[in-house]
């Protein structure tokens, strides 16, 4: 039998397990030109929360009682497709099913599955592309500048910081525990880390960690953390807006500081982006990330939870800050 996880009801505030439902159906059989995929690894990401709301956005919302979709690594279990053979490993944006049918459209064949397999959901996938392209296209780092990253111990943030170091920046990260701050410095080569949960005066902590001010702020969290960072930006600062996880579960719209006077005063650039905005540069970016990985200039960290049934649990843990690096479910 085939397990399927669907969105049972739309979350109010932070998602709970009751918002999801595990269904059972028969394993499908591929027709001509189709392949049967067996899910091996599932990516859970904060942006999926937005698709659980019944609201217009850059992608359609998930439908109730339909499977949720995210990045997945799968194995070809059966094939009636000339382009795929049994045992091939692929990645793509697929639904949360143990087994599913695909025409092959939108899939990427992983040609060296024994090397960096799960990295195809992280540093070599959309996570790495988001970090690289958001930083280089909007942040435009220059040697000697200070780069500050929020959500720095997460999947995107940990890669952003490393790329900043490769490009000659002084890199400071904001994270939510002493263990994560230590990880930033010991594994990801950050120069300094700030624990936002233990620093009551975050503005002062940022001033101390960034004595020359902030030239680039890579924003993954939004909210009060970002308010504190903006007080410390330099003239001509660049602020790529990747996400706002601190606000995703808010049930009422918050009113934060008005940033326009500050941006004018500092001649600063604040720009939101989607990684798909730079799709024409994916191949070049992925090649660079892979080379840095092979050369040992770039590393990655994963939090792996075992079991298909645990996908909703892993997703919810993202909003509790329990992941270090990329959150993945191994099926």
Protein backbone atom coordinates (compact mmCIF):
# COMPACT_ATOMS: atom_id res chain seq x y z
CA UNK A 1 0.00 0.00 0.00
CA UNK A 2 1.01 3.60 -0.57
CA UNK A 3 1.15 6.26 2.16
CA UNK A 4 0.11 9.82 1.29
CA UNK A 5 0.22 12.98 3.44
CA UNK A 6 -2.40 15.61 2.64
CA UNK A 7 -3.29 19.03 3.99
CA UNK A 8 -6.37 18.26 6.07
CA UNK A 9 -7.10 21.80 7.30
CA UNK A 10 -5.49 25.20 6.96
CA UNK A 11 -3.28 26.05 9.97
CA UNK A 12 -4.18 28.91 12.25
CA UNK A 13 -0.92 30.22 13.66
CA UNK A 14 1.81 27.62 13.99
CA UNK A 15 0.91 24.34 12.24
CA UNK A 16 -0.02 21.34 14.40
CA UNK A 17 -0.12 17.66 13.54
CA UNK A 18 -3.91 17.77 13.24
CA UNK A 19 -3.54 20.00 10.17
CA UNK A 20 -2.23 16.99 8.26
CA UNK A 21 -3.68 13.57 7.51
CA UNK A 22 -2.04 10.30 6.52
CA UNK A 23 -4.03 8.46 3.84
CA UNK A 24 -3.50 5.03 2.37
CA UNK A 25 -4.00 4.18 -1.30
CA UNK A 26 -2.82 1.54 -3.75
CA UNK A 27 0.59 1.78 -5.37
CA UNK A 28 -0.01 3.04 -8.94
CA UNK A 29 1.20 1.29 -12.10
CA UNK A 30 2.98 3.36 -14.78
CA UNK A 31 1.53 3.56 -18.29
CA UNK A 32 3.58 3.96 -21.46
CA UNK A 33 5.90 6.94 -21.17
CA UNK A 34 5.65 6.98 -17.37
CA UNK A 35 7.82 5.98 -14.43
CA UNK A 36 7.01 4.87 -10.90
CA UNK A 37 8.99 6.79 -8.30
CA UNK A 38 9.78 5.62 -4.78
CA UNK A 39 10.44 8.51 -2.40
CA UNK A 40 13.78 8.36 -0.58
CA UNK A 41 14.30 11.85 0.90
CA UNK A 42 11.87 14.72 1.46
CA UNK A 43 12.78 18.39 1.93
CA UNK A 44 10.68 20.41 4.37
CA UNK A 45 11.04 24.17 4.06
CA UNK A 46 9.56 27.25 5.77
CA UNK A 47 8.09 28.64 2.55
CA UNK A 48 5.60 25.75 2.47
CA UNK A 49 3.76 27.46 5.34
CA UNK A 50 2.61 30.26 3.04
CA UNK A 51 1.12 27.77 0.58
CA UNK A 52 -1.04 26.36 3.36
CA UNK A 53 -3.00 29.62 3.53
CA UNK A 54 -5.91 30.20 1.17
CA UNK A 55 -4.39 33.40 -0.15
CA UNK A 56 -3.03 34.67 -3.44
CA UNK A 57 0.76 34.47 -3.68
CA UNK A 58 3.52 33.79 -6.18
CA UNK A 59 2.42 30.12 -6.29
CA UNK A 60 -1.08 28.65 -5.84
CA UNK A 61 -2.04 27.50 -2.32
CA UNK A 62 -2.15 23.83 -1.47
CA UNK A 63 -5.62 22.34 -1.80
CA UNK A 64 -7.32 20.73 1.17
CA UNK A 65 -7.28 16.92 1.17
CA UNK A 66 -4.65 16.94 -1.58
CA UNK A 67 -0.99 15.94 -1.13
CA UNK A 68 1.56 18.58 -0.18
CA UNK A 69 4.47 19.15 -2.55
CA UNK A 70 8.15 19.88 -1.96
CA UNK A 71 11.63 18.96 -3.11
CA UNK A 72 12.11 15.19 -3.14
CA UNK A 73 14.82 12.70 -4.07
CA UNK A 74 13.30 9.51 -5.47
CA UNK A 75 14.33 6.21 -7.04
CA UNK A 76 12.84 4.85 -10.24
CA UNK A 77 11.04 1.69 -9.07
CA UNK A 78 9.48 0.84 -12.45
CA UNK A 79 9.80 2.39 -15.89
CA UNK A 80 7.92 2.48 -19.15
CA UNK A 81 9.90 5.55 -20.19
CA UNK A 82 12.85 5.40 -22.60
CA UNK A 83 14.72 8.08 -20.69
CA UNK A 84 14.73 6.36 -17.30
CA UNK A 85 15.68 2.91 -16.08
CA UNK A 86 14.92 1.11 -12.83
CA UNK A 87 17.34 2.24 -10.14
CA UNK A 88 17.88 5.75 -11.50
CA UNK A 89 17.91 8.46 -8.82
CA UNK A 90 16.14 11.74 -9.56
CA UNK A 91 15.18 14.95 -7.81
CA UNK A 92 12.21 17.20 -8.41
CA UNK A 93 9.26 19.05 -6.95
CA UNK A 94 7.05 16.07 -6.08
CA UNK A 95 4.14 15.26 -3.78
CA UNK A 96 4.30 13.67 -0.34
CA UNK A 97 3.65 10.08 -1.39
CA UNK A 98 5.74 6.98 -0.84
CA UNK A 99 5.13 6.03 -4.49
CA UNK A 100 3.99 8.24 -7.35
CA UNK A 101 3.75 8.31 -11.12
CA UNK A 102 5.73 10.79 -13.20
CA UNK A 103 6.04 11.56 -16.89
CA UNK A 104 9.64 12.60 -16.21
CA UNK A 105 8.88 16.26 -16.84
CA UNK A 106 10.67 18.55 -14.38
CA UNK A 107 12.90 15.80 -12.98
CA UNK A 108 16.67 16.07 -12.74
CA UNK A 109 18.67 12.87 -13.04
CA UNK A 110 21.29 12.62 -10.29
CA UNK A 111 24.21 11.17 -12.22
CA UNK A 112 26.48 10.53 -9.21
CA UNK A 113 24.04 9.46 -6.47
CA UNK A 114 26.79 8.10 -4.23
CA UNK A 115 28.32 11.58 -3.88
CA UNK A 116 26.51 14.35 -1.98
CA UNK A 117 23.11 12.70 -2.53
CA UNK A 118 21.05 14.66 -0.02
CA UNK A 119 22.96 17.82 -0.93
CA UNK A 120 20.75 17.91 -4.03
CA UNK A 121 17.97 19.07 -1.68
CA UNK A 122 20.26 21.53 0.06
CA UNK A 123 23.51 23.15 -0.95
CA UNK A 124 23.33 21.81 -4.53
CA UNK A 125 19.58 22.38 -4.80
CA UNK A 126 17.21 25.30 -4.34
CA UNK A 127 18.69 26.05 -0.89
CA UNK A 128 22.17 26.62 -2.26
CA UNK A 129 20.90 28.48 -5.31
CA UNK A 130 18.85 30.78 -3.08
CA UNK A 131 21.86 31.54 -0.90
CA UNK A 132 24.27 32.10 -3.79
CA UNK A 133 22.03 34.11 -6.08
CA UNK A 134 20.40 36.20 -3.36
CA UNK A 135 23.79 37.15 -1.96
CA UNK A 136 25.66 37.74 -5.21
CA UNK A 137 22.88 39.37 -7.25
CA UNK A 138 21.45 41.65 -4.54
CA UNK A 139 24.04 41.68 -1.75
CA UNK A 140 26.97 42.09 -4.20
CA UNK A 141 29.61 41.36 -1.52
CA UNK A 142 32.98 43.11 -1.62
CA UNK A 143 36.13 42.10 0.28
CA UNK A 144 36.35 43.71 3.70
CA UNK A 145 32.61 44.37 4.06
CA UNK A 146 30.52 43.10 6.96
CA UNK A 147 27.81 40.58 6.13
CA UNK A 148 25.17 39.86 8.77
CA UNK A 149 22.91 36.83 8.33
CA UNK A 150 19.76 36.07 10.32
CA UNK A 151 18.55 32.49 10.61
CA UNK A 152 22.24 31.82 10.15
CA UNK A 153 22.28 28.21 11.36
CA UNK A 154 19.47 27.26 8.99
CA UNK A 155 19.71 25.73 5.54
CA UNK A 156 20.07 28.96 3.54
CA UNK A 157 21.76 31.10 6.18
CA UNK A 158 24.62 28.68 6.84
CA UNK A 159 25.48 28.66 3.14
CA UNK A 160 25.17 32.44 2.75
CA UNK A 161 27.72 32.97 5.51
CA UNK A 162 30.22 30.59 3.97
CA UNK A 163 29.90 32.21 0.54
CA UNK A 164 30.41 35.59 2.17
CA UNK A 165 33.66 34.36 3.71
CA UNK A 166 34.84 32.92 0.39
CA UNK A 167 34.22 36.37 -1.12
CA UNK A 168 36.27 38.13 1.55
CA UNK A 169 33.62 39.47 3.92
CA UNK A 170 33.62 39.56 7.69
CA UNK A 171 30.58 37.41 8.51
CA UNK A 172 28.34 37.56 11.59
CA UNK A 173 25.36 35.26 12.15
CA UNK A 174 22.26 35.50 14.33
CA UNK A 175 20.89 32.20 15.67
CA UNK A 176 18.65 30.93 18.45
CA UNK A 177 20.92 28.96 20.80
CA UNK A 178 24.46 28.82 22.11
CA UNK A 179 24.94 25.49 20.35
CA UNK A 180 23.96 27.02 17.02
CA UNK A 181 26.25 30.01 17.54
CA UNK A 182 29.12 27.64 18.23
CA UNK A 183 28.25 25.67 15.08
CA UNK A 184 28.40 28.88 13.03
CA UNK A 185 31.96 29.47 14.12
CA UNK A 186 33.29 25.91 14.32
CA UNK A 187 31.79 24.46 11.13
CA UNK A 188 30.63 27.30 8.90
CA UNK A 189 33.58 29.68 9.39
CA UNK A 190 31.56 32.66 10.65
CA UNK A 191 33.64 35.28 12.43
CA UNK A 192 31.07 35.93 15.14
CA UNK A 193 27.64 34.78 16.28
CA UNK A 194 24.79 36.34 18.24
CA UNK A 195 22.24 34.37 20.28
CA UNK A 196 19.08 36.44 19.90
CA UNK A 197 17.34 34.55 22.71
CA UNK A 198 19.88 35.46 25.38
CA UNK A 199 20.71 38.99 24.24
CA UNK A 200 18.02 41.23 25.69
CA UNK A 201 19.41 44.29 23.90
CA UNK A 202 19.86 42.95 20.38
CA UNK A 203 20.73 46.36 18.98
CA UNK A 204 23.69 46.58 21.37
CA UNK A 205 24.75 42.99 20.62
CA UNK A 206 24.81 43.77 16.89
CA UNK A 207 26.84 46.95 17.46
CA UNK A 208 29.37 44.92 19.44
CA UNK A 209 29.62 42.13 16.89
CA UNK A 210 29.66 44.55 13.93
CA UNK A 211 31.77 47.50 15.11
CA UNK A 212 32.11 48.81 11.55
CA UNK A 213 28.39 48.55 10.88
CA UNK A 214 26.52 46.24 8.50
CA UNK A 215 27.10 46.49 4.76
CA UNK A 216 24.96 43.50 3.74
CA UNK A 217 22.08 42.06 5.71
CA UNK A 218 20.77 38.73 4.39
CA UNK A 219 17.34 38.55 5.98
CA UNK A 220 15.75 35.15 6.57
CA UNK A 221 13.55 35.98 9.57
CA UNK A 222 12.03 39.48 9.47
CA UNK A 223 10.29 40.85 12.57
CA UNK A 224 12.03 42.36 15.58
CA UNK A 225 15.41 40.81 14.75
CA UNK A 226 15.46 42.62 11.44
CA UNK A 227 14.29 45.84 13.11
CA UNK A 228 17.39 45.70 15.31
CA UNK A 229 19.70 44.97 12.37
CA UNK A 230 18.39 47.91 10.34
CA UNK A 231 19.48 50.28 13.09
CA UNK A 232 23.05 49.25 12.32
CA UNK A 233 23.26 49.37 8.53
CA UNK A 234 25.86 51.47 6.75
CA UNK A 235 25.54 53.93 3.89
CA UNK A 236 24.74 52.03 0.66
CA UNK A 237 23.86 48.83 2.55
CA UNK A 238 22.20 46.03 0.57
CA UNK A 239 19.45 43.95 2.15
CA UNK A 240 18.32 40.81 0.28
CA UNK A 241 14.97 39.65 1.73
CA UNK A 242 14.88 35.87 1.48
CA UNK A 243 12.18 35.10 4.05
CA UNK A 244 10.38 36.14 7.22
CA UNK A 245 9.93 32.94 9.22
CA UNK A 246 9.31 34.87 12.45
CA UNK A 247 6.07 36.21 10.93
CA UNK A 248 4.74 33.23 8.99
CA UNK A 249 2.49 32.00 11.79
CA UNK A 250 1.13 35.38 12.90
CA UNK A 251 -2.66 35.54 12.81
CA UNK A 252 -2.75 39.35 12.82
CA UNK A 253 -0.69 41.72 10.74
CA UNK A 254 1.97 43.41 12.86
CA UNK A 255 2.98 47.02 12.47
CA UNK A 256 6.74 47.38 12.54
CA UNK A 257 9.00 50.43 12.16
CA UNK A 258 8.60 52.45 8.97
CA UNK A 259 11.76 51.73 7.02
CA UNK A 260 11.48 54.29 4.22
CA UNK A 261 13.19 57.20 6.06
CA UNK A 262 16.04 54.92 7.10
CA UNK A 263 16.55 53.54 3.58
CA UNK A 264 16.61 57.08 2.17
CA UNK A 265 19.01 58.31 4.85
CA UNK A 266 21.37 55.38 4.24
CA UNK A 267 20.87 55.22 0.45
CA UNK A 268 20.22 51.53 1.13
CA UNK A 269 18.74 48.85 -1.10
CA UNK A 270 16.15 46.43 0.34
CA UNK A 271 14.92 43.87 -2.17
CA UNK A 272 12.80 40.77 -1.84
CA UNK A 273 13.45 37.93 -4.25
CA UNK A 274 12.44 34.47 -5.37
CA UNK A 275 15.16 32.13 -6.51
CA UNK A 276 13.20 31.58 -9.72
CA UNK A 277 13.88 35.25 -10.58
CA UNK A 278 17.38 34.10 -11.54
CA UNK A 279 16.54 30.78 -13.23
CA UNK A 280 18.76 31.59 -16.22
CA UNK A 281 21.76 31.53 -13.85
CA UNK A 282 20.97 28.19 -12.14
CA UNK A 283 23.47 26.14 -14.16
CA UNK A 284 26.35 28.54 -13.57
CA UNK A 285 25.52 28.87 -9.86
CA UNK A 286 25.20 25.12 -9.29
CA UNK A 287 28.55 24.53 -10.98
CA UNK A 288 30.22 27.07 -8.68
CA UNK A 289 28.62 25.59 -5.56
CA UNK A 290 29.70 22.07 -6.58
CA UNK A 291 33.28 23.22 -7.20
CA UNK A 292 33.46 24.92 -3.79
CA UNK A 293 32.08 21.76 -2.19
CA UNK A 294 34.71 19.57 -3.90
CA UNK A 295 37.47 21.99 -2.96
CA UNK A 296 36.45 21.92 0.72
CA UNK A 297 35.62 25.64 0.73
CA UNK A 298 31.95 24.93 1.37
CA UNK A 299 30.33 22.48 3.77
CA UNK A 300 26.79 21.72 4.86
CA UNK A 301 24.89 20.40 7.82
CA UNK A 302 21.69 18.36 7.86
CA UNK A 303 19.07 17.46 10.43
CA UNK A 304 17.67 14.14 9.23
CA UNK A 305 14.51 12.61 10.67
CA UNK A 306 13.61 9.03 9.77
CA UNK A 307 10.22 7.83 8.56
CA UNK A 308 7.64 8.97 6.00
CA UNK A 309 5.06 9.43 8.77
CA UNK A 310 7.37 11.99 10.42
CA UNK A 311 7.23 14.55 7.59
CA UNK A 312 4.62 16.81 9.30
CA UNK A 313 6.53 16.58 12.59
CA UNK A 314 9.78 17.64 10.85
CA UNK A 315 8.00 20.54 9.16
CA UNK A 316 6.59 21.82 12.46
CA UNK A 317 10.04 21.63 14.08
CA UNK A 318 11.29 24.26 11.61
CA UNK A 319 9.16 26.83 13.46
CA UNK A 320 10.52 25.68 16.81
CA UNK A 321 14.10 26.23 15.67
CA UNK A 322 15.02 22.59 16.21
CA UNK A 323 16.87 22.15 12.92
CA UNK A 324 20.53 22.82 12.32
CA UNK A 325 21.17 23.32 8.63
CA UNK A 326 18.85 21.60 6.18
CA UNK A 327 15.85 19.69 7.53
CA UNK A 328 15.31 16.43 5.64
CA UNK A 329 13.15 13.38 6.16
CA UNK A 330 14.61 10.03 5.17
CA UNK A 331 11.95 7.59 4.01
